[in-house]
PDB file of all heavy atoms in Angstrom:
ATOM      1  N   VAL A   1      52.048 -49.542   6.376  1.00  0.00           N
ATOM      2  CA  VAL A   1      53.276 -49.657   5.590  1.00  0.00           C
ATOM      3  C   VAL A   1      53.062 -49.308   4.115  1.00  0.00           C
ATOM      4  O   VAL A   1      53.797 -48.492   3.557  1.00  0.00           O
ATOM      5  CB  VAL A   1      53.894 -51.071   5.737  1.00  0.00           C
ATOM      6  CG1 VAL A   1      55.053 -51.272   4.764  1.00  0.00           C
ATOM      7  CG2 VAL A   1      54.342 -51.291   7.171  1.00  0.00           C
ATOM      8  N   PRO A   2      52.089 -49.905   3.442  1.00  0.00           N
ATOM      9  CA  PRO A   2      51.954 -49.609   2.012  1.00  0.00           C
ATOM     10  C   PRO A   2      51.453 -48.188   1.754  1.00  0.00           C
ATOM     11  O   PRO A   2      50.661 -47.639   2.517  1.00  0.00           O
ATOM     12  CB  PRO A   2      50.896 -50.601   1.521  1.00  0.00           C
ATOM     13  CG  PRO A   2      50.605 -51.519   2.632  1.00  0.00           C
ATOM     14  CD  PRO A   2      51.113 -50.901   3.888  1.00  0.00           C
ATOM     15  N   GLU A   3      51.923 -47.645   0.666  1.00  0.00           N
ATOM     16  CA  GLU A   3      51.362 -46.400   0.154  1.00  0.00           C
ATOM     17  C   GLU A   3      50.218 -46.799  -0.777  1.00  0.00           C
ATOM     18  O   GLU A   3      50.297 -47.806  -1.472  1.00  0.00           O
ATOM     19  CB  GLU A   3      52.418 -45.615  -0.621  1.00  0.00           C
ATOM     20  CG  GLU A   3      51.926 -44.289  -1.117  1.00  0.00           C
ATOM     21  CD  GLU A   3      53.016 -43.470  -1.785  1.00  0.00           C
ATOM     22  OE1 GLU A   3      54.204 -43.841  -1.674  1.00  0.00           O
ATOM     23  OE2 GLU A   3      52.675 -42.471  -2.421  1.00  0.00           O
ATOM     24  N   VAL A   4      49.160 -46.008  -0.784  1.00  0.00           N
ATOM     25  CA  VAL A   4      47.998 -46.318  -1.610  1.00  0.00           C
ATOM     26  C   VAL A   4      47.985 -45.394  -2.824  1.00  0.00           C
ATOM     27  O   VAL A   4      48.184 -44.186  -2.700  1.00  0.00           O
ATOM     28  CB  VAL A   4      46.678 -46.157  -0.824  1.00  0.00           C
ATOM     29  CG1 VAL A   4      45.472 -46.447  -1.708  1.00  0.00           C
ATOM     30  CG2 VAL A   4      46.669 -47.056   0.399  1.00  0.00           C
ATOM     31  N   SER A   5      47.759 -45.976  -3.993  1.00  0.00           N
ATOM     32  CA  SER A   5      47.570 -45.213  -5.231  1.00  0.00           C
ATOM     33  C   SER A   5      46.166 -45.510  -5.729  1.00  0.00           C
ATOM     34  O   SER A   5      45.880 -46.628  -6.167  1.00  0.00           O
ATOM     35  CB  SER A   5      48.587 -45.631  -6.298  1.00  0.00           C
ATOM     36  OG  SER A   5      49.888 -45.288  -5.897  1.00  0.00           O
ATOM     37  N   GLY A   6      45.290 -44.522  -5.615  1.00  0.00           N
ATOM     38  CA  GLY A   6      43.913 -44.706  -6.047  1.00  0.00           C
ATOM     39  C   GLY A   6      43.664 -44.058  -7.396  1.00  0.00           C
ATOM     40  O   GLY A   6      44.197 -42.985  -7.678  1.00  0.00           O
ATOM     41  N   ILE A   7      42.860 -44.715  -8.198  1.00  0.00           N
ATOM     42  CA  ILE A   7      42.434 -44.152  -9.487  1.00  0.00           C
ATOM     43  C   ILE A   7      40.919 -44.222  -9.512  1.00  0.00           C
ATOM     44  O   ILE A   7      40.332 -45.247  -9.178  1.00  0.00           O
ATOM     45  CB  ILE A   7      43.084 -44.883 -10.688  1.00  0.00           C
ATOM     46  CG1 ILE A   7      42.789 -44.175 -11.987  1.00  0.00           C
ATOM     47  CG2 ILE A   7      42.669 -46.326 -10.757  1.00  0.00           C
ATOM     48  CD1 ILE A   7      43.546 -42.911 -12.170  1.00  0.00           C
ATOM     49  N   GLU A   8      40.296 -43.122  -9.898  1.00  0.00           N
ATOM     50  CA  GLU A   8      38.845 -43.017  -9.824  1.00  0.00           C
ATOM     51  C   GLU A   8      38.331 -42.114 -10.936  1.00  0.00           C
ATOM     52  O   GLU A   8      38.908 -41.069 -11.196  1.00  0.00           O
ATOM     53  CB  GLU A   8      38.454 -42.450  -8.451  1.00  0.00           C
ATOM     54  CG  GLU A   8      37.028 -42.050  -8.282  1.00  0.00           C
ATOM     55  CD  GLU A   8      36.027 -43.153  -8.556  1.00  0.00           C
ATOM     56  OE1 GLU A   8      36.226 -44.280  -8.076  1.00  0.00           O
ATOM     57  OE2 GLU A   8      35.039 -42.871  -9.260  1.00  0.00           O
ATOM     58  N   ARG A   9      37.260 -42.539 -11.569  1.00  0.00           N
ATOM     59  CA  ARG A   9      36.651 -41.759 -12.655  1.00  0.00           C
ATOM     60  C   ARG A   9      36.084 -40.429 -12.156  1.00  0.00           C
ATOM     61  O   ARG A   9      36.187 -39.411 -12.814  1.00  0.00           O
ATOM     62  CB  ARG A   9      35.561 -42.609 -13.303  1.00  0.00           C
ATOM     63  CG  ARG A   9      34.749 -41.885 -14.342  1.00  0.00           C
ATOM     64  CD  ARG A   9      33.686 -42.742 -14.934  1.00  0.00           C
ATOM     65  NE  ARG A   9      32.854 -43.313 -13.869  1.00  0.00           N
ATOM     66  CZ  ARG A   9      32.148 -44.408 -13.977  1.00  0.00           C
ATOM     67  NH1 ARG A   9      32.163 -45.091 -15.083  1.00  0.00           N
ATOM     68  NH2 ARG A   9      31.409 -44.840 -12.989  1.00  0.00           N
ATOM     69  N   SER A  10      35.484 -40.426 -10.989  1.00  0.00           N
ATOM     70  CA  SER A  10      34.838 -39.233 -10.447  1.00  0.00           C
ATOM     71  C   SER A  10      35.840 -38.335  -9.727  1.00  0.00           C
ATOM     72  O   SER A  10      36.521 -38.771  -8.794  1.00  0.00           O
ATOM     73  CB  SER A  10      33.740 -39.652  -9.456  1.00  0.00           C
ATOM     74  OG  SER A  10      33.355 -38.570  -8.638  1.00  0.00           O
ATOM     75  N   GLY A  11      35.883 -37.083 -10.138  1.00  0.00           N
ATOM     76  CA  GLY A  11      36.748 -36.126  -9.455  1.00  0.00           C
ATOM     77  C   GLY A  11      36.332 -35.922  -8.007  1.00  0.00           C
ATOM     78  O   GLY A  11      37.186 -35.780  -7.124  1.00  0.00           O
ATOM     79  N   TRP A  12      35.013 -35.913  -7.750  1.00  0.00           N
ATOM     80  CA  TRP A  12      34.550 -35.759  -6.369  1.00  0.00           C
ATOM     81  C   TRP A  12      35.057 -36.929  -5.521  1.00  0.00           C
ATOM     82  O   TRP A  12      35.582 -36.729  -4.424  1.00  0.00           O
ATOM     83  CB  TRP A  12      33.017 -35.700  -6.282  1.00  0.00           C
ATOM     84  CG  TRP A  12      32.564 -35.754  -4.861  1.00  0.00           C
ATOM     85  CD1 TRP A  12      32.514 -34.712  -3.987  1.00  0.00           C
ATOM     86  CD2 TRP A  12      32.201 -36.923  -4.120  1.00  0.00           C
ATOM     87  NE1 TRP A  12      32.129 -35.160  -2.742  1.00  0.00           N
ATOM     88  CE2 TRP A  12      31.929 -36.524  -2.804  1.00  0.00           C
ATOM     89  CE3 TRP A  12      32.078 -38.275  -4.441  1.00  0.00           C
ATOM     90  CZ2 TRP A  12      31.531 -37.426  -1.815  1.00  0.00           C
ATOM     91  CZ3 TRP A  12      31.686 -39.163  -3.459  1.00  0.00           C
ATOM     92  CH2 TRP A  12      31.415 -38.737  -2.163  1.00  0.00           C
ATOM     93  N   ALA A  13      34.889 -38.151  -6.008  1.00  0.00           N
ATOM     94  CA  ALA A  13      35.292 -39.320  -5.242  1.00  0.00           C
ATOM     95  C   ALA A  13      36.809 -39.342  -5.030  1.00  0.00           C
ATOM     96  O   ALA A  13      37.274 -39.723  -3.950  1.00  0.00           O
ATOM     97  CB  ALA A  13      34.818 -40.605  -5.915  1.00  0.00           C
ATOM     98  N   ALA A  14      37.590 -38.945  -6.024  1.00  0.00           N
ATOM     99  CA  ALA A  14      39.051 -38.901  -5.854  1.00  0.00           C
ATOM    100  C   ALA A  14      39.414 -37.910  -4.743  1.00  0.00           C
ATOM    101  O   ALA A  14      40.291 -38.192  -3.923  1.00  0.00           O
ATOM    102  CB  ALA A  14      39.736 -38.533  -7.165  1.00  0.00           C
ATOM    103  N   GLY A  15      38.740 -36.777  -4.707  1.00  0.00           N
ATOM    104  CA  GLY A  15      38.962 -35.815  -3.626  1.00  0.00           C
ATOM    105  C   GLY A  15      38.574 -36.390  -2.267  1.00  0.00           C
ATOM    106  O   GLY A  15      39.261 -36.183  -1.254  1.00  0.00           O
ATOM    107  N   GLU A  16      37.485 -37.125  -2.241  1.00  0.00           N
ATOM    108  CA  GLU A  16      37.042 -37.772  -1.008  1.00  0.00           C
ATOM    109  C   GLU A  16      38.047 -38.843  -0.576  1.00  0.00           C
ATOM    110  O   GLU A  16      38.301 -39.014   0.616  1.00  0.00           O
ATOM    111  CB  GLU A  16      35.659 -38.389  -1.218  1.00  0.00           C
ATOM    112  CG  GLU A  16      34.963 -38.808   0.031  1.00  0.00           C
ATOM    113  CD  GLU A  16      34.581 -37.672   0.957  1.00  0.00           C
ATOM    114  OE1 GLU A  16      34.403 -36.524   0.495  1.00  0.00           O
ATOM    115  OE2 GLU A  16      34.462 -37.928   2.168  1.00  0.00           O
ATOM    116  N   ALA A  17      38.632 -39.546  -1.540  1.00  0.00           N
ATOM    117  CA  ALA A  17      39.658 -40.543  -1.213  1.00  0.00           C
ATOM    118  C   ALA A  17      40.859 -39.862  -0.559  1.00  0.00           C
ATOM    119  O   ALA A  17      41.404 -40.376   0.430  1.00  0.00           O
ATOM    120  CB  ALA A  17      40.083 -41.310  -2.466  1.00  0.00           C
ATOM    121  N   ARG A  18      41.265 -38.726  -1.084  1.00  0.00           N
ATOM    122  CA  ARG A  18      42.386 -38.005  -0.474  1.00  0.00           C
ATOM    123  C   ARG A  18      42.051 -37.614   0.973  1.00  0.00           C
ATOM    124  O   ARG A  18      42.897 -37.728   1.868  1.00  0.00           O
ATOM    125  CB  ARG A  18      42.773 -36.798  -1.318  1.00  0.00           C
ATOM    126  CG  ARG A  18      43.405 -37.183  -2.652  1.00  0.00           C
ATOM    127  CD  ARG A  18      43.943 -35.991  -3.431  1.00  0.00           C
ATOM    128  NE  ARG A  18      42.922 -35.110  -3.944  1.00  0.00           N
ATOM    129  CZ  ARG A  18      42.297 -35.275  -5.113  1.00  0.00           C
ATOM    130  NH1 ARG A  18      42.605 -36.310  -5.899  1.00  0.00           N
ATOM    131  NH2 ARG A  18      41.393 -34.405  -5.518  1.00  0.00           N
ATOM    132  N   ALA A  19      40.817 -37.177   1.210  1.00  0.00           N
ATOM    133  CA  ALA A  19      40.389 -36.836   2.577  1.00  0.00           C
ATOM    134  C   ALA A  19      40.383 -38.080   3.461  1.00  0.00           C
ATOM    135  O   ALA A  19      40.756 -38.021   4.639  1.00  0.00           O
ATOM    136  CB  ALA A  19      39.011 -36.184   2.550  1.00  0.00           C
ATOM    137  N   THR A  20      39.977 -39.220   2.906  1.00  0.00           N
ATOM    138  CA  THR A  20      39.987 -40.481   3.650  1.00  0.00           C
ATOM    139  C   THR A  20      41.408 -40.834   4.067  1.00  0.00           C
ATOM    140  O   THR A  20      41.655 -41.174   5.223  1.00  0.00           O
ATOM    141  CB  THR A  20      39.381 -41.622   2.798  1.00  0.00           C
ATOM    142  OG1 THR A  20      38.003 -41.338   2.555  1.00  0.00           O
ATOM    143  CG2 THR A  20      39.517 -42.973   3.473  1.00  0.00           C
ATOM    144  N   TYR A  21      42.342 -40.762   3.140  1.00  0.00           N
ATOM    145  CA  TYR A  21      43.735 -41.087   3.452  1.00  0.00           C
ATOM    146  C   TYR A  21      44.261 -40.181   4.564  1.00  0.00           C
ATOM    147  O   TYR A  21      44.916 -40.649   5.496  1.00  0.00           O
ATOM    148  CB  TYR A  21      44.628 -40.964   2.215  1.00  0.00           C
ATOM    149  CG  TYR A  21      44.227 -41.817   1.042  1.00  0.00           C
ATOM    150  CD1 TYR A  21      44.526 -41.409  -0.255  1.00  0.00           C
ATOM    151  CD2 TYR A  21      43.549 -43.025   1.191  1.00  0.00           C
ATOM    152  CE1 TYR A  21      44.174 -42.182  -1.359  1.00  0.00           C
ATOM    153  CE2 TYR A  21      43.187 -43.796   0.102  1.00  0.00           C
ATOM    154  CZ  TYR A  21      43.501 -43.366  -1.168  1.00  0.00           C
ATOM    155  OH  TYR A  21      43.138 -44.122  -2.250  1.00  0.00           O
ATOM    156  N   THR A  22      43.969 -38.901   4.457  1.00  0.00           N
ATOM    157  CA  THR A  22      44.443 -37.954   5.468  1.00  0.00           C
ATOM    158  C   THR A  22      43.839 -38.264   6.827  1.00  0.00           C
ATOM    159  O   THR A  22      44.554 -38.344   7.829  1.00  0.00           O
ATOM    160  CB  THR A  22      44.095 -36.514   5.044  1.00  0.00           C
ATOM    161  OG1 THR A  22      44.771 -36.216   3.812  1.00  0.00           O
ATOM    162  CG2 THR A  22      44.518 -35.504   6.101  1.00  0.00           C
ATOM    163  N   ALA A  23      42.528 -38.440   6.878  1.00  0.00           N
ATOM    164  CA  ALA A  23      41.854 -38.684   8.157  1.00  0.00           C
ATOM    165  C   ALA A  23      42.311 -39.987   8.808  1.00  0.00           C
ATOM    166  O   ALA A  23      42.391 -40.073  10.040  1.00  0.00           O
ATOM    167  CB  ALA A  23      40.339 -38.699   7.960  1.00  0.00           C
ATOM    168  N   LEU A  24      42.625 -40.993   7.997  1.00  0.00           N
ATOM    169  CA  LEU A  24      43.060 -42.284   8.533  1.00  0.00           C
ATOM    170  C   LEU A  24      44.572 -42.372   8.744  1.00  0.00           C
ATOM    171  O   LEU A  24      45.066 -43.364   9.259  1.00  0.00           O
ATOM    172  CB  LEU A  24      42.601 -43.416   7.610  1.00  0.00           C
ATOM    173  CG  LEU A  24      41.106 -43.711   7.627  1.00  0.00           C
ATOM    174  CD1 LEU A  24      40.722 -44.658   6.486  1.00  0.00           C
ATOM    175  CD2 LEU A  24      40.680 -44.296   8.974  1.00  0.00           C
ATOM    176  N   GLY A  25      45.303 -41.344   8.317  1.00  0.00           N
ATOM    177  CA  GLY A  25      46.755 -41.365   8.469  1.00  0.00           C
ATOM    178  C   GLY A  25      47.445 -42.319   7.516  1.00  0.00           C
ATOM    179  O   GLY A  25      48.510 -42.856   7.829  1.00  0.00           O
ATOM    180  N   VAL A  26      46.866 -42.509   6.342  1.00  0.00           N
ATOM    181  CA  VAL A  26      47.423 -43.410   5.329  1.00  0.00           C
ATOM    182  C   VAL A  26      48.201 -42.580   4.313  1.00  0.00           C
ATOM    183  O   VAL A  26      47.729 -41.538   3.860  1.00  0.00           O
ATOM    184  CB  VAL A  26      46.278 -44.173   4.621  1.00  0.00           C
ATOM    185  CG1 VAL A  26      46.790 -44.943   3.422  1.00  0.00           C
ATOM    186  CG2 VAL A  26      45.581 -45.101   5.597  1.00  0.00           C
ATOM    187  N   ARG A  27      49.386 -43.052   3.960  1.00  0.00           N
ATOM    188  CA  ARG A  27      50.137 -42.403   2.878  1.00  0.00           C
ATOM    189  C   ARG A  27      49.476 -42.795   1.568  1.00  0.00           C
ATOM    190  O   ARG A  27      49.343 -43.987   1.269  1.00  0.00           O
ATOM    191  CB  ARG A  27      51.605 -42.848   2.864  1.00  0.00           C
ATOM    192  CG  ARG A  27      52.407 -42.385   4.041  1.00  0.00           C
ATOM    193  CD  ARG A  27      53.842 -42.892   4.015  1.00  0.00           C
ATOM    194  NE  ARG A  27      53.906 -44.342   3.893  1.00  0.00           N
ATOM    195  CZ  ARG A  27      54.499 -44.991   2.884  1.00  0.00           C
ATOM    196  NH1 ARG A  27      55.102 -44.326   1.921  1.00  0.00           N
ATOM    197  NH2 ARG A  27      54.500 -46.308   2.844  1.00  0.00           N
ATOM    198  N   GLY A  28      49.042 -41.822   0.806  1.00  0.00           N
ATOM    199  CA  GLY A  28      48.397 -42.173  -0.445  1.00  0.00           C
ATOM    200  C   GLY A  28      48.056 -40.972  -1.288  1.00  0.00           C
ATOM    201  O   GLY A  28      48.126 -39.827  -0.855  1.00  0.00           O
ATOM    202  N   ARG A  29      47.705 -41.295  -2.503  1.00  0.00           N
ATOM    203  CA  ARG A  29      47.257 -40.282  -3.451  1.00  0.00           C
ATOM    204  C   ARG A  29      46.114 -40.891  -4.244  1.00  0.00           C
ATOM    205  O   ARG A  29      46.034 -42.112  -4.414  1.00  0.00           O
ATOM    206  CB  ARG A  29      48.383 -39.836  -4.371  1.00  0.00           C
ATOM    207  CG  ARG A  29      48.901 -40.947  -5.268  1.00  0.00           C
ATOM    208  CD  ARG A  29      49.944 -40.457  -6.268  1.00  0.00           C
ATOM    209  NE  ARG A  29      50.392 -41.549  -7.108  1.00  0.00           N
ATOM    210  CZ  ARG A  29      49.698 -42.053  -8.131  1.00  0.00           C
ATOM    211  NH1 ARG A  29      48.519 -41.565  -8.436  1.00  0.00           N
ATOM    212  NH2 ARG A  29      50.173 -43.047  -8.850  1.00  0.00           N
ATOM    213  N   ALA A  30      45.241 -40.039  -4.695  1.00  0.00           N
ATOM    214  CA  ALA A  30      44.141 -40.485  -5.550  1.00  0.00           C
ATOM    215  C   ALA A  30      44.014 -39.492  -6.681  1.00  0.00           C
ATOM    216  O   ALA A  30      44.118 -38.285  -6.472  1.00  0.00           O
ATOM    217  CB  ALA A  30      42.839 -40.569  -4.758  1.00  0.00           C
ATOM    218  N   ALA A  31      43.798 -40.003  -7.855  1.00  0.00           N
ATOM    219  CA  ALA A  31      43.694 -39.152  -9.032  1.00  0.00           C
ATOM    220  C   ALA A  31      42.496 -39.575  -9.864  1.00  0.00           C
ATOM    221  O   ALA A  31      42.056 -40.721  -9.811  1.00  0.00           O
ATOM    222  CB  ALA A  31      44.974 -39.266  -9.864  1.00  0.00           C
ATOM    223  N   SER A  32      42.011 -38.635 -10.642  1.00  0.00           N
ATOM    224  CA  SER A  32      40.942 -38.945 -11.590  1.00  0.00           C
ATOM    225  C   SER A  32      41.567 -39.626 -12.797  1.00  0.00           C
ATOM    226  O   SER A  32      42.624 -39.214 -13.268  1.00  0.00           O
ATOM    227  CB  SER A  32      40.240 -37.666 -12.040  1.00  0.00           C
ATOM    228  OG  SER A  32      39.599 -37.062 -10.952  1.00  0.00           O
ATOM    229  N   GLY A  33      40.919 -40.660 -13.279  1.00  0.00           N
ATOM    230  CA  GLY A  33      41.425 -41.358 -14.445  1.00  0.00           C
ATOM    231  C   GLY A  33      40.594 -42.574 -14.775  1.00  0.00           C
ATOM    232  O   GLY A  33      39.571 -42.842 -14.143  1.00  0.00           O
ATOM    233  N   ASP A  34      41.069 -43.310 -15.756  1.00  0.00           N
ATOM    234  CA  ASP A  34      40.381 -44.487 -16.258  1.00  0.00           C
ATOM    235  C   ASP A  34      41.116 -45.729 -15.765  1.00  0.00           C
ATOM    236  O   ASP A  34      42.262 -45.973 -16.145  1.00  0.00           O
ATOM    237  CB  ASP A  34      40.364 -44.444 -17.791  1.00  0.00           C
ATOM    238  CG  ASP A  34      39.645 -45.608 -18.427  1.00  0.00           C
ATOM    239  OD1 ASP A  34      39.293 -46.590 -17.725  1.00  0.00           O
ATOM    240  OD2 ASP A  34      39.437 -45.559 -19.649  1.00  0.00           O
ATOM    241  N   LEU A  35      40.472 -46.536 -14.954  1.00  0.00           N
ATOM    242  CA  LEU A  35      41.138 -47.705 -14.389  1.00  0.00           C
ATOM    243  C   LEU A  35      41.554 -48.707 -15.448  1.00  0.00           C
ATOM    244  O   LEU A  35      42.470 -49.494 -15.227  1.00  0.00           O
ATOM    245  CB  LEU A  35      40.264 -48.382 -13.326  1.00  0.00           C
ATOM    246  CG  LEU A  35      38.960 -49.023 -13.760  1.00  0.00           C
ATOM    247  CD1 LEU A  35      39.154 -50.494 -14.044  1.00  0.00           C
ATOM    248  CD2 LEU A  35      37.939 -48.871 -12.662  1.00  0.00           C
ATOM    249  N   LEU A  36      40.934 -48.683 -16.612  1.00  0.00           N
ATOM    250  CA  LEU A  36      41.316 -49.602 -17.683  1.00  0.00           C
ATOM    251  C   LEU A  36      42.603 -49.181 -18.382  1.00  0.00           C
ATOM    252  O   LEU A  36      43.170 -49.947 -19.146  1.00  0.00           O
ATOM    253  CB  LEU A  36      40.188 -49.736 -18.701  1.00  0.00           C
ATOM    254  CG  LEU A  36      38.909 -50.386 -18.173  1.00  0.00           C
ATOM    255  CD1 LEU A  36      37.819 -50.346 -19.228  1.00  0.00           C
ATOM    256  CD2 LEU A  36      39.174 -51.807 -17.717  1.00  0.00           C
ATOM    257  N   ARG A  37      43.059 -47.970 -18.137  1.00  0.00           N
ATOM    258  CA  ARG A  37      44.282 -47.470 -18.771  1.00  0.00           C
ATOM    259  C   ARG A  37      45.486 -47.465 -17.828  1.00  0.00           C
ATOM    260  O   ARG A  37      46.593 -47.173 -18.246  1.00  0.00           O
ATOM    261  CB  ARG A  37      44.060 -46.065 -19.313  1.00  0.00           C
ATOM    262  CG  ARG A  37      43.025 -46.021 -20.409  1.00  0.00           C
ATOM    263  CD  ARG A  37      42.819 -44.585 -20.879  1.00  0.00           C
ATOM    264  NE  ARG A  37      41.666 -44.507 -21.730  1.00  0.00           N
ATOM    265  CZ  ARG A  37      41.728 -44.444 -23.048  1.00  0.00           C
ATOM    266  NH1 ARG A  37      42.878 -44.450 -23.655  1.00  0.00           N
ATOM    267  NH2 ARG A  37      40.624 -44.369 -23.757  1.00  0.00           N
ATOM    268  N   GLU A  38      45.252 -47.777 -16.562  1.00  0.00           N
ATOM    269  CA  GLU A  38      46.336 -47.765 -15.587  1.00  0.00           C
ATOM    270  C   GLU A  38      47.259 -48.947 -15.805  1.00  0.00           C
ATOM    271  O   GLU A  38      46.811 -50.059 -16.049  1.00  0.00           O
ATOM    272  CB  GLU A  38      45.777 -47.828 -14.161  1.00  0.00           C
ATOM    273  CG  GLU A  38      45.189 -46.536 -13.683  1.00  0.00           C
ATOM    274  CD  GLU A  38      46.202 -45.413 -13.613  1.00  0.00           C
ATOM    275  OE1 GLU A  38      47.234 -45.548 -12.932  1.00  0.00           O
ATOM    276  OE2 GLU A  38      45.952 -44.387 -14.266  1.00  0.00           O
ATOM    277  N   ARG A  39      48.552 -48.694 -15.703  1.00  0.00           N
ATOM    278  CA  ARG A  39      49.525 -49.784 -15.770  1.00  0.00           C
ATOM    279  C   ARG A  39      49.489 -50.496 -14.429  1.00  0.00           C
ATOM    280  O   ARG A  39      49.706 -49.886 -13.388  1.00  0.00           O
ATOM    281  CB  ARG A  39      50.919 -49.229 -16.041  1.00  0.00           C
ATOM    282  CG  ARG A  39      51.950 -50.335 -16.213  1.00  0.00           C
ATOM    283  CD  ARG A  39      53.324 -49.787 -16.442  1.00  0.00           C
ATOM    284  NE  ARG A  39      54.391 -50.719 -16.607  1.00  0.00           N
ATOM    285  CZ  ARG A  39      54.655 -51.803 -15.902  1.00  0.00           C
ATOM    286  NH1 ARG A  39      53.861 -52.163 -14.948  1.00  0.00           N
ATOM    287  NH2 ARG A  39      55.714 -52.557 -16.132  1.00  0.00           N
ATOM    288  N   LEU A  40      49.212 -51.772 -14.451  1.00  0.00           N
ATOM    289  CA  LEU A  40      49.119 -52.528 -13.208  1.00  0.00           C
ATOM    290  C   LEU A  40      50.493 -53.046 -12.801  1.00  0.00           C
ATOM    291  O   LEU A  40      51.308 -53.403 -13.637  1.00  0.00           O
ATOM    292  CB  LEU A  40      48.132 -53.680 -13.366  1.00  0.00           C
ATOM    293  CG  LEU A  40      46.694 -53.261 -13.663  1.00  0.00           C
ATOM    294  CD1 LEU A  40      45.776 -54.477 -13.703  1.00  0.00           C
ATOM    295  CD2 LEU A  40      46.194 -52.255 -12.651  1.00  0.00           C
TER     296      LEU A  40
END
């Protein structure tokens, strides 16, 4: 049910997160960024 919004410093890991979401059938997006700057 939930959509996942991932934030990750590493561009490689953010890309891997997108592949994880796709392979698991999860609605989500992952982007490179600073977790301390994300609005919670």
